[in-house]
């Protein structure tokens, strides 16, 4: 699950439908169990590095973005809806195993 660090000092679900939920510090919830997402308060947050996600279906080399209309989601399809934020959060290293390099870009674009 993809999180952003909110103004209250908590980790909340990231979403590209708002600048407040997609332009700040991002992290992936860490989990010891490959098939379930981790809780940021229980297991911690990965803010940069390699991660194997429990979902994917991507191709090696794909760029990854904050998902549109899926809170906490990551996708290989850039948002296209007006006012949504496009921000690269990483790259697929191995599509067969859903291994990604999570390295959120500090730049972003809000669509008009």
PDB file of N, CA and C in Angstrom:
ATOM      1  N   UNK A   1       0.846  -1.176   0.000  1.00  0.00           N
ATOM      2  CA  UNK A   1       0.000   0.000   0.000  1.00  0.00           C
ATOM      3  C   UNK A   1       0.898   1.249   0.000  1.00  0.00           C
ATOM      4  N   UNK A   2       0.520   2.230  -0.795  1.00  0.00           N
ATOM      5  CA  UNK A   2       1.275   3.469  -0.899  1.00  0.00           C
ATOM      6  C   UNK A   2       0.678   4.513   0.052  1.00  0.00           C
ATOM      7  N   UNK A   3       1.552   5.118   0.852  1.00  0.00           N
ATOM      8  CA  UNK A   3       1.135   6.106   1.833  1.00  0.00           C
ATOM      9  C   UNK A   3       1.818   7.444   1.581  1.00  0.00           C
ATOM     10  N   UNK A   4       1.207   8.523   2.094  1.00  0.00           N
ATOM     11  CA  UNK A   4       1.861   9.826   2.128  1.00  0.00           C
ATOM     12  C   UNK A   4       1.898  10.280   3.582  1.00  0.00           C
ATOM     13  N   UNK A   5       2.879  11.097   3.899  1.00  0.00           N
ATOM     14  CA  UNK A   5       3.038  11.620   5.252  1.00  0.00           C
ATOM     15  C   UNK A   5       2.215  12.895   5.355  1.00  0.00           C
ATOM     16  N   UNK A   6       1.160  12.864   6.172  1.00  0.00           N
ATOM     17  CA  UNK A   6       0.219  13.984   6.199  1.00  0.00           C
ATOM     18  C   UNK A   6       0.637  15.065   7.195  1.00  0.00           C
ATOM     19  N   UNK A   7      -0.110  16.163   7.208  1.00  0.00           N
ATOM     20  CA  UNK A   7       0.227  17.324   8.031  1.00  0.00           C
ATOM     21  C   UNK A   7       0.092  17.065   9.536  1.00  0.00           C
ATOM     22  N   UNK A   8      -0.539  15.958   9.904  1.00  0.00           N
ATOM     23  CA  UNK A   8      -0.666  15.591  11.318  1.00  0.00           C
ATOM     24  C   UNK A   8       0.449  14.662  11.778  1.00  0.00           C
ATOM     25  N   UNK A   9       1.364  14.324  10.848  1.00  0.00           N
ATOM     26  CA  UNK A   9       2.462  13.420  11.190  1.00  0.00           C
ATOM     27  C   UNK A   9       2.069  11.958  11.124  1.00  0.00           C
ATOM     28  N   UNK A  10       1.010  11.652  10.368  1.00  0.00           N
ATOM     29  CA  UNK A  10       0.549  10.277  10.205  1.00  0.00           C
ATOM     30  C   UNK A  10       0.738   9.830   8.761  1.00  0.00           C
ATOM     31  N   UNK A  11       0.791   8.515   8.558  1.00  0.00           N
ATOM     32  CA  UNK A  11       0.844   7.952   7.215  1.00  0.00           C
ATOM     33  C   UNK A  11      -0.583   7.618   6.793  1.00  0.00           C
ATOM     34  N   UNK A  12      -1.022   8.206   5.674  1.00  0.00           N
ATOM     35  CA  UNK A  12      -2.373   7.996   5.138  1.00  0.00           C
ATOM     36  C   UNK A  12      -2.268   7.517   3.699  1.00  0.00           C
ATOM     37  N   UNK A  13      -3.330   6.905   3.177  1.00  0.00           N
ATOM     38  CA  UNK A  13      -3.318   6.397   1.811  1.00  0.00           C
ATOM     39  C   UNK A  13      -3.075   7.506   0.802  1.00  0.00           C
ATOM     40  N   UNK A  14      -2.135   7.277  -0.095  1.00  0.00           N
ATOM     41  CA  UNK A  14      -1.863   8.217  -1.180  1.00  0.00           C
ATOM     42  C   UNK A  14      -2.896   8.025  -2.290  1.00  0.00           C
ATOM     43  N   UNK A  15      -3.179   9.113  -3.010  1.00  0.00           N
ATOM     44  CA  UNK A  15      -4.127   9.059  -4.121  1.00  0.00           C
ATOM     45  C   UNK A  15      -3.813  10.214  -5.054  1.00  0.00           C
ATOM     46  N   UNK A  16      -3.796   9.970  -6.350  1.00  0.00           N
ATOM     47  CA  UNK A  16      -3.425  11.018  -7.307  1.00  0.00           C
ATOM     48  C   UNK A  16      -4.534  12.032  -7.547  1.00  0.00           C
ATOM     49  N   UNK A  17      -5.692  11.864  -6.925  1.00  0.00           N
ATOM     50  CA  UNK A  17      -6.807  12.780  -7.185  1.00  0.00           C
ATOM     51  C   UNK A  17      -6.711  14.098  -6.416  1.00  0.00           C
ATOM     52  N   UNK A  18      -5.644  14.300  -5.647  1.00  0.00           N
ATOM     53  CA  UNK A  18      -5.499  15.534  -4.874  1.00  0.00           C
ATOM     54  C   UNK A  18      -4.013  15.833  -4.651  1.00  0.00           C
ATOM     55  N   UNK A  19      -3.643  17.102  -4.725  1.00  0.00           N
ATOM     56  CA  UNK A  19      -2.247  17.447  -4.444  1.00  0.00           C
ATOM     57  C   UNK A  19      -1.894  17.176  -2.986  1.00  0.00           C
ATOM     58  N   UNK A  20      -2.859  17.278  -2.093  1.00  0.00           N
ATOM     59  CA  UNK A  20      -2.571  17.059  -0.669  1.00  0.00           C
ATOM     60  C   UNK A  20      -2.248  15.599  -0.354  1.00  0.00           C
ATOM     61  N   UNK A  21      -2.678  14.662  -1.188  1.00  0.00           N
ATOM     62  CA  UNK A  21      -2.444  13.228  -0.926  1.00  0.00           C
ATOM     63  C   UNK A  21      -1.419  12.606  -1.867  1.00  0.00           C
ATOM     64  N   UNK A  22      -0.729  13.451  -2.664  1.00  0.00           N
ATOM     65  CA  UNK A  22       0.167  12.856  -3.658  1.00  0.00           C
ATOM     66  C   UNK A  22       1.480  13.600  -3.899  1.00  0.00           C
ATOM     67  N   UNK A  23       1.671  14.766  -3.316  1.00  0.00           N
ATOM     68  CA  UNK A  23       2.858  15.545  -3.661  1.00  0.00           C
ATOM     69  C   UNK A  23       3.917  15.594  -2.561  1.00  0.00           C
ATOM     70  N   UNK A  24       3.619  15.085  -1.401  1.00  0.00           N
ATOM     71  CA  UNK A  24       4.577  15.109  -0.297  1.00  0.00           C
ATOM     72  C   UNK A  24       5.414  13.840  -0.227  1.00  0.00           C
ATOM     73  N   UNK A  25       5.896  13.563   0.969  1.00  0.00           N
ATOM     74  CA  UNK A  25       6.716  12.373   1.208  1.00  0.00           C
ATOM     75  C   UNK A  25       5.861  11.119   1.061  1.00  0.00           C
ATOM     76  N   UNK A  26       6.391  10.130   0.343  1.00  0.00           N
ATOM     77  CA  UNK A  26       5.668   8.880   0.102  1.00  0.00           C
ATOM     78  C   UNK A  26       6.421   7.703   0.696  1.00  0.00           C
ATOM     79  N   UNK A  27       5.691   6.631   0.991  1.00  0.00           N
ATOM     80  CA  UNK A  27       6.293   5.404   1.482  1.00  0.00           C
ATOM     81  C   UNK A  27       5.396   4.217   1.226  1.00  0.00           C
ATOM     82  N   UNK A  28       5.992   3.034   1.216  1.00  0.00           N
ATOM     83  CA  UNK A  28       5.247   1.783   1.054  1.00  0.00           C
ATOM     84  C   UNK A  28       5.224   1.073   2.399  1.00  0.00           C
ATOM     85  N   UNK A  29       4.042   0.622   2.821  1.00  0.00           N
ATOM     86  CA  UNK A  29       3.927  -0.145   4.059  1.00  0.00           C
ATOM     87  C   UNK A  29       4.687  -1.460   3.942  1.00  0.00           C
ATOM     88  N   UNK A  30       5.489  -1.762   4.947  1.00  0.00           N
ATOM     89  CA  UNK A  30       6.302  -2.976   4.962  1.00  0.00           C
ATOM     90  C   UNK A  30       5.516  -4.099   5.627  1.00  0.00           C
ATOM     91  N   UNK A  31       5.646  -5.311   5.091  1.00  0.00           N
ATOM     92  CA  UNK A  31       4.975  -6.465   5.666  1.00  0.00           C
ATOM     93  C   UNK A  31       5.879  -7.682   5.584  1.00  0.00           C
ATOM     94  N   UNK A  32       5.823  -8.524   6.595  1.00  0.00           N
ATOM     95  CA  UNK A  32       6.567  -9.778   6.579  1.00  0.00           C
ATOM     96  C   UNK A  32       5.861 -10.805   5.708  1.00  0.00           C
ATOM     97  N   UNK A  33       4.585 -10.571   5.422  1.00  0.00           N
ATOM     98  CA  UNK A  33       3.791 -11.502   4.624  1.00  0.00           C
ATOM     99  C   UNK A  33       3.647 -10.941   3.217  1.00  0.00           C
ATOM    100  N   UNK A  34       4.144 -11.635   2.223  1.00  0.00           N
ATOM    101  CA  UNK A  34       4.154 -11.176   0.843  1.00  0.00           C
ATOM    102  C   UNK A  34       2.761 -10.904   0.295  1.00  0.00           C
ATOM    103  N   UNK A  35       1.742 -11.595   0.790  1.00  0.00           N
ATOM    104  CA  UNK A  35       0.407 -11.484   0.198  1.00  0.00           C
ATOM    105  C   UNK A  35      -0.482 -10.427   0.844  1.00  0.00           C
ATOM    106  N   UNK A  36      -0.017  -9.766   1.899  1.00  0.00           N
ATOM    107  CA  UNK A  36      -0.854  -8.742   2.528  1.00  0.00           C
ATOM    108  C   UNK A  36      -0.050  -7.459   2.722  1.00  0.00           C
ATOM    109  N   UNK A  37      -0.714  -6.315   2.619  1.00  0.00           N
ATOM    110  CA  UNK A  37       0.000  -5.059   2.808  1.00  0.00           C
ATOM    111  C   UNK A  37       0.391  -4.853   4.260  1.00  0.00           C
ATOM    112  N   UNK A  38       1.440  -4.102   4.453  1.00  0.00           N
ATOM    113  CA  UNK A  38       1.889  -3.809   5.813  1.00  0.00           C
ATOM    114  C   UNK A  38       1.219  -2.576   6.377  1.00  0.00           C
ATOM    115  N   UNK A  39       1.171  -2.498   7.687  1.00  0.00           N
ATOM    116  CA  UNK A  39       0.650  -1.331   8.389  1.00  0.00           C
ATOM    117  C   UNK A  39       1.824  -0.425   8.732  1.00  0.00           C
ATOM    118  N   UNK A  40       1.735   0.860   8.415  1.00  0.00           N
ATOM    119  CA  UNK A  40       2.867   1.734   8.717  1.00  0.00           C
ATOM    120  C   UNK A  40       3.145   1.886  10.205  1.00  0.00           C
ATOM    121  N   UNK A  41       2.136   1.787  11.035  1.00  0.00           N
ATOM    122  CA  UNK A  41       2.346   1.935  12.472  1.00  0.00           C
ATOM    123  C   UNK A  41       2.863   0.655  13.115  1.00  0.00           C
ATOM    124  N   UNK A  42       2.570  -0.485  12.504  1.00  0.00           N
ATOM    125  CA  UNK A  42       3.013  -1.765  13.057  1.00  0.00           C
ATOM    126  C   UNK A  42       4.343  -2.219  12.485  1.00  0.00           C
ATOM    127  N   UNK A  43       4.487  -2.148  11.163  1.00  0.00           N
ATOM    128  CA  UNK A  43       5.645  -2.741  10.489  1.00  0.00           C
ATOM    129  C   UNK A  43       6.627  -1.739   9.918  1.00  0.00           C
ATOM    130  N   UNK A  44       6.242  -0.478   9.805  1.00  0.00           N
ATOM    131  CA  UNK A  44       7.152   0.528   9.266  1.00  0.00           C
ATOM    132  C   UNK A  44       6.872   0.875   7.810  1.00  0.00           C
ATOM    133  N   UNK A  45       7.706   1.772   7.299  1.00  0.00           N
ATOM    134  CA  UNK A  45       7.540   2.326   5.957  1.00  0.00           C
ATOM    135  C   UNK A  45       8.872   2.270   5.212  1.00  0.00           C
ATOM    136  N   UNK A  46       8.806   1.885   3.957  1.00  0.00           N
ATOM    137  CA  UNK A  46       9.956   1.964   3.060  1.00  0.00           C
ATOM    138  C   UNK A  46       9.822   3.275   2.294  1.00  0.00           C
ATOM    139  N   UNK A  47      10.808   4.172   2.419  1.00  0.00           N
ATOM    140  CA  UNK A  47      10.735   5.445   1.713  1.00  0.00           C
ATOM    141  C   UNK A  47      11.599   5.452   0.450  1.00  0.00           C
ATOM    142  N   UNK A  48      12.493   4.503   0.309  1.00  0.00           N
ATOM    143  CA  UNK A  48      13.283   4.339  -0.907  1.00  0.00           C
ATOM    144  C   UNK A  48      13.952   2.978  -0.851  1.00  0.00           C
ATOM    145  N   UNK A  49      13.897   2.269  -1.971  1.00  0.00           N
ATOM    146  CA  UNK A  49      14.568   0.976  -2.040  1.00  0.00           C
ATOM    147  C   UNK A  49      13.770  -0.039  -2.831  1.00  0.00           C
ATOM    148  N   UNK A  50      14.176  -1.282  -2.749  1.00  0.00           N
ATOM    149  CA  UNK A  50      13.532  -2.357  -3.491  1.00  0.00           C
ATOM    150  C   UNK A  50      12.403  -2.964  -2.673  1.00  0.00           C
ATOM    151  N   UNK A  51      11.309  -3.264  -3.351  1.00  0.00           N
ATOM    152  CA  UNK A  51      10.160  -3.880  -2.689  1.00  0.00           C
ATOM    153  C   UNK A  51       9.521  -4.882  -3.635  1.00  0.00           C
ATOM    154  N   UNK A  52       8.995  -5.946  -3.070  1.00  0.00           N
ATOM    155  CA  UNK A  52       8.215  -6.914  -3.845  1.00  0.00           C
ATOM    156  C   UNK A  52       6.768  -6.738  -3.414  1.00  0.00           C
ATOM    157  N   UNK A  53       5.935  -6.318  -4.366  1.00  0.00           N
ATOM    158  CA  UNK A  53       4.546  -6.034  -4.052  1.00  0.00           C
ATOM    159  C   UNK A  53       3.690  -7.279  -4.197  1.00  0.00           C
ATOM    160  N   UNK A  54       2.554  -7.289  -3.516  1.00  0.00           N
ATOM    161  CA  UNK A  54       1.652  -8.426  -3.573  1.00  0.00           C
ATOM    162  C   UNK A  54       0.726  -8.347  -4.773  1.00  0.00           C
ATOM    163  N   UNK A  55       0.816  -7.293  -5.546  1.00  0.00           N
ATOM    164  CA  UNK A  55       0.045  -7.152  -6.781  1.00  0.00           C
ATOM    165  C   UNK A  55       0.974  -6.589  -7.845  1.00  0.00           C
ATOM    166  N   UNK A  56       0.542  -6.631  -9.089  1.00  0.00           N
ATOM    167  CA  UNK A  56       1.392  -6.103 -10.148  1.00  0.00           C
ATOM    168  C   UNK A  56       0.846  -6.418 -11.518  1.00  0.00           C
ATOM    169  N   UNK A  57       1.461  -7.403 -12.174  1.00  0.00           N
ATOM    170  CA  UNK A  57       1.091  -7.701 -13.551  1.00  0.00           C
ATOM    171  C   UNK A  57       1.737  -6.730 -14.523  1.00  0.00           C
ATOM    172  N   UNK A  58       2.871  -6.173 -14.132  1.00  0.00           N
ATOM    173  CA  UNK A  58       3.554  -5.191 -14.941  1.00  0.00           C
ATOM    174  C   UNK A  58       4.670  -5.833 -15.743  1.00  0.00           C
ATOM    175  N   UNK A  59       5.271  -5.033 -16.608  1.00  0.00           N
ATOM    176  CA  UNK A  59       6.380  -5.485 -17.437  1.00  0.00           C
ATOM    177  C   UNK A  59       7.672  -4.880 -16.901  1.00  0.00           C
ATOM    178  N   UNK A  60       8.731  -5.661 -16.915  1.00  0.00           N
ATOM    179  CA  UNK A  60      10.034  -5.164 -16.490  1.00  0.00           C
ATOM    180  C   UNK A  60      10.349  -3.882 -17.252  1.00  0.00           C
ATOM    181  N   UNK A  61      10.759  -2.856 -16.512  1.00  0.00           N
ATOM    182  CA  UNK A  61      11.087  -1.568 -17.105  1.00  0.00           C
ATOM    183  C   UNK A  61       9.970  -0.542 -17.060  1.00  0.00           C
ATOM    184  N   UNK A  62       8.747  -0.963 -16.715  1.00  0.00           N
ATOM    185  CA  UNK A  62       7.630  -0.012 -16.633  1.00  0.00           C
ATOM    186  C   UNK A  62       7.902   1.067 -15.594  1.00  0.00           C
ATOM    187  N   UNK A  63       7.433   2.286 -15.890  1.00  0.00           N
ATOM    188  CA  UNK A  63       7.391   3.346 -14.889  1.00  0.00           C
ATOM    189  C   UNK A  63       6.155   3.120 -14.032  1.00  0.00           C
ATOM    190  N   UNK A  64       6.237   3.468 -12.758  1.00  0.00           N
ATOM    191  CA  UNK A  64       5.098   3.315 -11.854  1.00  0.00           C
ATOM    192  C   UNK A  64       4.658   4.678 -11.329  1.00  0.00           C
ATOM    193  N   UNK A  65       3.346   4.836 -11.174  1.00  0.00           N
ATOM    194  CA  UNK A  65       2.734   6.092 -10.771  1.00  0.00           C
ATOM    195  C   UNK A  65       1.815   5.868  -9.573  1.00  0.00           C
ATOM    196  N   UNK A  66       1.465   6.970  -8.893  1.00  0.00           N
ATOM    197  CA  UNK A  66       0.406   6.919  -7.889  1.00  0.00           C
ATOM    198  C   UNK A  66      -0.886   6.635  -8.649  1.00  0.00           C
ATOM    199  N   UNK A  67      -1.644   5.662  -8.190  1.00  0.00           N
ATOM    200  CA  UNK A  67      -2.870   5.267  -8.887  1.00  0.00           C
ATOM    201  C   UNK A  67      -3.948   6.338  -8.763  1.00  0.00           C
ATOM    202  N   UNK A  68      -4.765   6.414  -9.805  1.00  0.00           N
ATOM    203  CA  UNK A  68      -5.924   7.314  -9.810  1.00  0.00           C
ATOM    204  C   UNK A  68      -7.130   6.545  -9.295  1.00  0.00           C
ATOM    205  N   UNK A  69      -7.835   7.117  -8.352  1.00  0.00           N
ATOM    206  CA  UNK A  69      -9.073   6.552  -7.813  1.00  0.00           C
ATOM    207  C   UNK A  69      -8.902   5.209  -7.119  1.00  0.00           C
ATOM    208  N   UNK A  70      -7.690   4.872  -6.710  1.00  0.00           N
ATOM    209  CA  UNK A  70      -7.437   3.673  -5.910  1.00  0.00           C
ATOM    210  C   UNK A  70      -6.533   4.099  -4.764  1.00  0.00           C
ATOM    211  N   UNK A  71      -7.110   4.439  -3.642  1.00  0.00           N
ATOM    212  CA  UNK A  71      -6.322   4.913  -2.506  1.00  0.00           C
ATOM    213  C   UNK A  71      -5.260   3.893  -2.125  1.00  0.00           C
ATOM    214  N   UNK A  72      -4.021   4.353  -2.089  1.00  0.00           N
ATOM    215  CA  UNK A  72      -2.912   3.485  -1.721  1.00  0.00           C
ATOM    216  C   UNK A  72      -2.377   2.646  -2.858  1.00  0.00           C
ATOM    217  N   UNK A  73      -2.896   2.826  -4.056  1.00  0.00           N
ATOM    218  CA  UNK A  73      -2.486   1.993  -5.184  1.00  0.00           C
ATOM    219  C   UNK A  73      -1.318   2.546  -5.972  1.00  0.00           C
ATOM    220  N   UNK A  74      -0.628   1.629  -6.643  1.00  0.00           N
ATOM    221  CA  UNK A  74       0.452   1.954  -7.568  1.00  0.00           C
ATOM    222  C   UNK A  74       0.081   1.322  -8.902  1.00  0.00           C
ATOM    223  N   UNK A  75       0.342   2.039  -9.999  1.00  0.00           N
ATOM    224  CA  UNK A  75      -0.034   1.547 -11.317  1.00  0.00           C
ATOM    225  C   UNK A  75       1.031   1.905 -12.347  1.00  0.00           C
ATOM    226  N   UNK A  76       0.998   1.212 -13.472  1.00  0.00           N
ATOM    227  CA  UNK A  76       1.907   1.552 -14.563  1.00  0.00           C
ATOM    228  C   UNK A  76       1.220   2.446 -15.599  1.00  0.00           C
ATOM    229  N   UNK A  77       0.046   2.958 -15.274  1.00  0.00           N
ATOM    230  CA  UNK A  77      -0.709   3.843 -16.165  1.00  0.00           C
ATOM    231  C   UNK A  77      -0.791   5.227 -15.522  1.00  0.00           C
ATOM    232  N   UNK A  78      -0.257   6.222 -16.210  1.00  0.00           N
ATOM    233  CA  UNK A  78      -0.299   7.591 -15.682  1.00  0.00           C
ATOM    234  C   UNK A  78      -1.733   8.100 -15.681  1.00  0.00           C
ATOM    235  N   UNK A  79      -2.126   8.828 -14.642  1.00  0.00           N
ATOM    236  CA  UNK A  79      -3.469   9.416 -14.617  1.00  0.00           C
ATOM    237  C   UNK A  79      -3.674  10.355 -15.812  1.00  0.00           C
ATOM    238  N   UNK A  80      -4.925  10.450 -16.276  1.00  0.00           N
ATOM    239  CA  UNK A  80      -5.247  11.324 -17.405  1.00  0.00           C
ATOM    240  C   UNK A  80      -6.387  12.287 -17.086  1.00  0.00           C
ATOM    241  N   UNK A  81      -6.953  12.189 -15.914  1.00  0.00           N
ATOM    242  CA  UNK A  81      -8.100  13.012 -15.530  1.00  0.00           C
ATOM    243  C   UNK A  81      -7.652  14.415 -15.113  1.00  0.00           C
ATOM    244  N   UNK A  82      -8.395  15.422 -15.547  1.00  0.00           N
ATOM    245  CA  UNK A  82      -8.120  16.804 -15.188  1.00  0.00           C
ATOM    246  C   UNK A  82      -8.060  16.961 -13.670  1.00  0.00           C
ATOM    247  N   UNK A  83      -7.106  17.720 -13.188  1.00  0.00           N
ATOM    248  CA  UNK A  83      -6.794  18.036 -11.787  1.00  0.00           C
ATOM    249  C   UNK A  83      -6.034  16.928 -11.061  1.00  0.00           C
ATOM    250  N   UNK A  84      -5.888  15.750 -11.664  1.00  0.00           N
ATOM    251  CA  UNK A  84      -5.136  14.674 -11.015  1.00  0.00           C
ATOM    252  C   UNK A  84      -3.639  14.941 -11.125  1.00  0.00           C
ATOM    253  N   UNK A  85      -2.881  14.332 -10.232  1.00  0.00           N
ATOM    254  CA  UNK A  85      -1.433  14.508 -10.177  1.00  0.00           C
ATOM    255  C   UNK A  85      -0.744  13.309 -10.842  1.00  0.00           C
ATOM    256  N   UNK A  86       0.229  13.618 -11.692  1.00  0.00           N
ATOM    257  CA  UNK A  86       1.075  12.580 -12.301  1.00  0.00           C
ATOM    258  C   UNK A  86       2.426  12.661 -11.608  1.00  0.00           C
ATOM    259  N   UNK A  87       2.810  11.555 -10.983  1.00  0.00           N
ATOM    260  CA  UNK A  87       4.086  11.503 -10.266  1.00  0.00           C
ATOM    261  C   UNK A  87       4.648  10.094 -10.353  1.00  0.00           C
ATOM    262  N   UNK A  88       5.860   9.973 -10.871  1.00  0.00           N
ATOM    263  CA  UNK A  88       6.529   8.671 -10.926  1.00  0.00           C
ATOM    264  C   UNK A  88       7.000   8.304  -9.529  1.00  0.00           C
ATOM    265  N   UNK A  89       6.701   7.066  -9.117  1.00  0.00           N
ATOM    266  CA  UNK A  89       7.118   6.613  -7.781  1.00  0.00           C
ATOM    267  C   UNK A  89       8.150   5.494  -7.837  1.00  0.00           C
ATOM    268  N   UNK A  90       8.410   4.963  -9.033  1.00  0.00           N
ATOM    269  CA  UNK A  90       9.405   3.907  -9.135  1.00  0.00           C
ATOM    270  C   UNK A  90       9.381   3.223 -10.481  1.00  0.00           C
ATOM    271  N   UNK A  91      10.083   2.098 -10.525  1.00  0.00           N
ATOM    272  CA  UNK A  91      10.246   1.354 -11.769  1.00  0.00           C
ATOM    273  C   UNK A  91      10.151  -0.140 -11.484  1.00  0.00           C
ATOM    274  N   UNK A  92       9.632  -0.888 -12.449  1.00  0.00           N
ATOM    275  CA  UNK A  92       9.553  -2.342 -12.313  1.00  0.00           C
ATOM    276  C   UNK A  92      10.911  -2.934 -12.675  1.00  0.00           C
ATOM    277  N   UNK A  93      11.504  -3.649 -11.729  1.00  0.00           N
ATOM    278  CA  UNK A  93      12.799  -4.292 -11.929  1.00  0.00           C
ATOM    279  C   UNK A  93      12.602  -5.697 -12.482  1.00  0.00           C
ATOM    280  N   UNK A  94      11.581  -6.403 -12.002  1.00  0.00           N
ATOM    281  CA  UNK A  94      11.271  -7.751 -12.470  1.00  0.00           C
ATOM    282  C   UNK A  94       9.756  -7.926 -12.480  1.00  0.00           C
ATOM    283  N   UNK A  95       9.167  -7.846 -13.662  1.00  0.00           N
ATOM    284  CA  UNK A  95       7.721  -7.957 -13.798  1.00  0.00           C
ATOM    285  C   UNK A  95       7.181  -9.317 -13.379  1.00  0.00           C
ATOM    286  N   UNK A  96       7.967 -10.375 -13.531  1.00  0.00           N
ATOM    287  CA  UNK A  96       7.504 -11.720 -13.186  1.00  0.00           C
ATOM    288  C   UNK A  96       7.297 -11.889 -11.683  1.00  0.00           C
ATOM    289  N   UNK A  97       8.057 -11.147 -10.870  1.00  0.00           N
ATOM    290  CA  UNK A  97       7.955 -11.288  -9.415  1.00  0.00           C
ATOM    291  C   UNK A  97       7.449 -10.021  -8.722  1.00  0.00           C
ATOM    292  N   UNK A  98       7.024  -9.020  -9.504  1.00  0.00           N
ATOM    293  CA  UNK A  98       6.527  -7.748  -8.965  1.00  0.00           C
ATOM    294  C   UNK A  98       7.568  -7.020  -8.112  1.00  0.00           C
ATOM    295  N   UNK A  99       8.841  -7.174  -8.485  1.00  0.00           N
ATOM    296  CA  UNK A  99       9.914  -6.475  -7.786  1.00  0.00           C
ATOM    297  C   UNK A  99      10.053  -5.081  -8.387  1.00  0.00           C
ATOM    298  N   UNK A 100       9.997  -4.067  -7.514  1.00  0.00           N
ATOM    299  CA  UNK A 100      10.115  -2.691  -7.983  1.00  0.00           C
ATOM    300  C   UNK A 100      11.250  -1.989  -7.262  1.00  0.00           C
ATOM    301  N   UNK A 101      11.740  -0.931  -7.892  1.00  0.00           N
ATOM    302  CA  UNK A 101      12.626   0.004  -7.208  1.00  0.00           C
ATOM    303  C   UNK A 101      11.767   1.211  -6.890  1.00  0.00           C
ATOM    304  N   UNK A 102      11.503   1.428  -5.612  1.00  0.00           N
ATOM    305  CA  UNK A 102      10.655   2.514  -5.145  1.00  0.00           C
ATOM    306  C   UNK A 102      11.537   3.730  -4.901  1.00  0.00           C
ATOM    307  N   UNK A 103      11.350   4.760  -5.718  1.00  0.00           N
ATOM    308  CA  UNK A 103      12.163   5.977  -5.619  1.00  0.00           C
ATOM    309  C   UNK A 103      11.310   7.161  -6.075  1.00  0.00           C
ATOM    310  N   UNK A 104      10.370   7.599  -5.237  1.00  0.00           N
ATOM    311  CA  UNK A 104       9.434   8.658  -5.650  1.00  0.00           C
ATOM    312  C   UNK A 104      10.165   9.918  -6.109  1.00  0.00           C
ATOM    313  N   UNK A 105       9.779  10.378  -7.281  1.00  0.00           N
ATOM    314  CA  UNK A 105      10.331  11.614  -7.821  1.00  0.00           C
ATOM    315  C   UNK A 105       9.798  12.790  -7.010  1.00  0.00           C
ATOM    316  N   UNK A 106      10.632  13.784  -6.787  1.00  0.00           N
ATOM    317  CA  UNK A 106      10.189  14.968  -6.055  1.00  0.00           C
ATOM    318  C   UNK A 106       9.373  15.924  -6.931  1.00  0.00           C
ATOM    319  N   UNK A 107       9.372  15.687  -8.234  1.00  0.00           N
ATOM    320  CA  UNK A 107       8.605  16.538  -9.135  1.00  0.00           C
ATOM    321  C   UNK A 107       7.290  15.864  -9.474  1.00  0.00           C
ATOM    322  N   UNK A 108       6.300  16.677  -9.792  1.00  0.00           N
ATOM    323  CA  UNK A 108       4.967  16.169 -10.144  1.00  0.00           C
ATOM    324  C   UNK A 108       4.275  17.206 -11.025  1.00  0.00           C
ATOM    325  N   UNK A 109       3.232  16.759 -11.719  1.00  0.00           N
ATOM    326  CA  UNK A 109       2.469  17.638 -12.595  1.00  0.00           C
ATOM    327  C   UNK A 109       0.995  17.444 -12.281  1.00  0.00           C
ATOM    328  N   UNK A 110       0.274  18.546 -12.130  1.00  0.00           N
ATOM    329  CA  UNK A 110      -1.182  18.458 -11.978  1.00  0.00           C
ATOM    330  C   UNK A 110      -1.805  18.739 -13.335  1.00  0.00           C
ATOM    331  N   UNK A 111      -2.624  17.806 -13.801  1.00  0.00           N
ATOM    332  CA  UNK A 111      -3.246  17.922 -15.114  1.00  0.00           C
ATOM    333  C   UNK A 111      -4.301  19.013 -15.130  1.00  0.00           C
ATOM    334  N   UNK A 112      -4.433  19.678 -16.250  1.00  0.00           N
ATOM    335  CA  UNK A 112      -5.457  20.731 -16.394  1.00  0.00           C
ATOM    336  C   UNK A 112      -6.502  20.315 -17.402  1.00  0.00           C
TER     337      UNK A 112
END
